[in-house]
C-alpha atoms as a PDB file:
ATOM      1  CA  MET A   1      19.600  -4.036   2.633  1.00  0.00           C
ATOM      2  CA  GLY A   2      22.000  -1.724   0.869  1.00  0.00           C
ATOM      3  CA  LEU A   3      23.237  -3.942  -1.951  1.00  0.00           C
ATOM      4  CA  GLY A   4      24.196  -1.942  -4.993  1.00  0.00           C
ATOM      5  CA  GLU A   5      22.196  -2.072  -8.222  1.00  0.00           C
ATOM      6  CA  GLU A   6      24.970  -3.771 -10.182  1.00  0.00           C
ATOM      7  CA  THR A   7      25.633  -6.264  -7.415  1.00  0.00           C
ATOM      8  CA  LEU A   8      22.032  -7.441  -7.046  1.00  0.00           C
ATOM      9  CA  TYR A   9      20.238  -6.668 -10.324  1.00  0.00           C
ATOM     10  CA  GLY A  10      23.192  -7.848 -12.409  1.00  0.00           C
ATOM     11  CA  HIS A  11      22.598 -11.386 -11.141  1.00  0.00           C
ATOM     12  CA  ALA A  12      18.857 -11.684 -11.838  1.00  0.00           C
ATOM     13  CA  HIS A  13      19.479 -14.977 -13.636  1.00  0.00           C
ATOM     14  CA  GLN A  14      20.369 -16.477 -10.229  1.00  0.00           C
ATOM     15  CA  TRP A  15      17.103 -15.514  -8.526  1.00  0.00           C
ATOM     16  CA  VAL A  16      14.247 -17.915  -7.761  1.00  0.00           C
ATOM     17  CA  PRO A  17      11.077 -15.785  -8.010  1.00  0.00           C
ATOM     18  CA  ILE A  18       8.390 -16.220  -5.354  1.00  0.00           C
ATOM     19  CA  ALA A  19       5.973 -13.415  -6.270  1.00  0.00           C
ATOM     20  CA  HIS A  20       5.526 -10.460  -8.595  1.00  0.00           C
ATOM     21  CA  SER A  21       3.604  -7.261  -7.889  1.00  0.00           C
ATOM     22  CA  ILE A  22       1.548  -5.115 -10.241  1.00  0.00           C
ATOM     23  CA  ASP A  23       4.258  -2.424 -10.236  1.00  0.00           C
ATOM     24  CA  ALA A  24       6.916  -4.815 -11.626  1.00  0.00           C
ATOM     25  CA  GLY A  25       8.332  -5.565  -8.196  1.00  0.00           C
ATOM     26  CA  ILE A  26       9.630  -9.019  -7.412  1.00  0.00           C
ATOM     27  CA  LEU A  27      10.121 -11.142  -4.318  1.00  0.00           C
ATOM     28  CA  PHE A  28      12.781 -13.783  -4.804  1.00  0.00           C
ATOM     29  CA  VAL A  29      15.215 -16.163  -3.165  1.00  0.00           C
ATOM     30  CA  GLU A  30      18.835 -15.251  -3.878  1.00  0.00           C
ATOM     31  CA  HIS A  31      20.788 -18.180  -5.307  1.00  0.00           C
ATOM     32  CA  ARG A  32      24.042 -16.414  -6.054  1.00  0.00           C
ATOM     33  CA  PRO A  33      26.903 -18.078  -4.143  1.00  0.00           C
ATOM     34  CA  GLY A  34      28.074 -16.040  -1.175  1.00  0.00           C
ATOM     35  CA  PRO A  35      26.786 -14.552   2.076  1.00  0.00           C
ATOM     36  CA  THR A  36      23.344 -13.651   0.672  1.00  0.00           C
ATOM     37  CA  TYR A  37      22.612 -17.139  -0.680  1.00  0.00           C
ATOM     38  CA  GLY A  38      19.117 -18.200   0.396  1.00  0.00           C
ATOM     39  CA  HIS A  39      17.971 -14.724   1.462  1.00  0.00           C
ATOM     40  CA  VAL A  40      14.429 -13.648   0.592  1.00  0.00           C
ATOM     41  CA  ILE A  41      14.679 -10.227  -1.033  1.00  0.00           C
ATOM     42  CA  GLU A  42      12.183  -7.757  -2.476  1.00  0.00           C
ATOM     43  CA  LEU A  43      13.108  -5.490  -5.368  1.00  0.00           C
ATOM     44  CA  GLY A  44      10.730  -2.698  -6.418  1.00  0.00           C
ATOM     45  CA  ILE A  45      11.895  -2.592 -10.019  1.00  0.00           C
ATOM     46  CA  GLY A  46       8.834  -0.637 -11.208  1.00  0.00           C
ATOM     47  CA  SER A  47       9.393   2.035  -8.572  1.00  0.00           C
ATOM     48  CA  GLY A  48      13.124   2.263  -9.272  1.00  0.00           C
ATOM     49  CA  ASP A  49      14.245   0.435  -6.112  1.00  0.00           C
ATOM     50  CA  PHE A  50      17.221  -1.601  -7.264  1.00  0.00           C
ATOM     51  CA  GLU A  51      18.941  -1.930  -3.877  1.00  0.00           C
ATOM     52  CA  GLY A  52      16.560  -4.509  -2.475  1.00  0.00           C
ATOM     53  CA  THR A  53      14.946  -5.073   0.893  1.00  0.00           C
ATOM     54  CA  LEU A  54      15.784  -8.140   2.953  1.00  0.00           C
ATOM     55  CA  TRP A  55      12.588  -9.887   4.105  1.00  0.00           C
ATOM     56  CA  ALA A  56      14.213 -12.959   5.671  1.00  0.00           C
ATOM     57  CA  ASP A  57      17.532 -14.770   5.878  1.00  0.00           C
ATOM     58  CA  THR A  58      15.941 -18.039   4.709  1.00  0.00           C
ATOM     59  CA  LEU A  59      12.785 -19.222   2.992  1.00  0.00           C
ATOM     60  CA  LEU A  60      11.822 -21.078   6.180  1.00  0.00           C
ATOM     61  CA  GLU A  61      12.138 -17.869   8.205  1.00  0.00           C
ATOM     62  CA  PHE A  62       9.979 -16.057   5.638  1.00  0.00           C
ATOM     63  CA  PHE A  63       7.177 -18.636   5.762  1.00  0.00           C
ATOM     64  CA  ASP A  64       7.371 -18.871   9.558  1.00  0.00           C
ATOM     65  CA  ALA A  65       6.842 -15.108   9.811  1.00  0.00           C
ATOM     66  CA  LEU A  66       4.045 -15.191   7.245  1.00  0.00           C
ATOM     67  CA  THR A  67       2.145 -18.043   8.909  1.00  0.00           C
ATOM     68  CA  HIS A  68       2.623 -16.456  12.344  1.00  0.00           C
ATOM     69  CA  SER A  69       1.138 -13.232  11.010  1.00  0.00           C
ATOM     70  CA  LEU A  70      -1.875 -15.050   9.583  1.00  0.00           C
ATOM     71  CA  ASP A  71      -2.391 -17.204  12.685  1.00  0.00           C
ATOM     72  CA  THR A  72      -2.166 -14.310  15.129  1.00  0.00           C
ATOM     73  CA  ARG A  73      -3.681 -11.642  12.872  1.00  0.00           C
ATOM     74  CA  THR A  74      -0.683  -9.405  13.485  1.00  0.00           C
ATOM     75  CA  PRO A  75       1.201  -7.282  10.945  1.00  0.00           C
ATOM     76  CA  PHE A  76       3.666  -9.048   8.657  1.00  0.00           C
ATOM     77  CA  HIS A  77       6.960  -7.343   7.956  1.00  0.00           C
ATOM     78  CA  ASP A  78       5.910  -4.240   9.936  1.00  0.00           C
ATOM     79  CA  TRP A  79       2.871  -3.618   7.730  1.00  0.00           C
ATOM     80  CA  ASP A  80      -0.310  -2.439   9.362  1.00  0.00           C
ATOM     81  CA  TRP A  81      -3.252  -4.313   7.814  1.00  0.00           C
ATOM     82  CA  ASP A  82      -6.884  -3.583   8.560  1.00  0.00           C
ATOM     83  CA  TRP A  83      -8.038  -7.128   9.374  1.00  0.00           C
ATOM     84  CA  ASN A  84     -11.676  -6.020   9.548  1.00  0.00           C
ATOM     85  CA  GLU A  85     -12.033  -5.090   5.900  1.00  0.00           C
END
């Protein structure tokens, strides 16, 4: 996504968290006014990734992609899952 650490991480109080990972990462909806408002973004805070990765432009787009992946048993967000495990 390429947002700078200060730009994104400095506004953590305006995030709406969706999920946390065991390595202190976070998936959230951006609620800071501006062009990224409503974007679903992942930050790998535990791994030192403070730039963020855009997962979807809207929460609806995110859940559409997730449900499509589950329904069709295809990779979500370019991840290659072993569905037979």
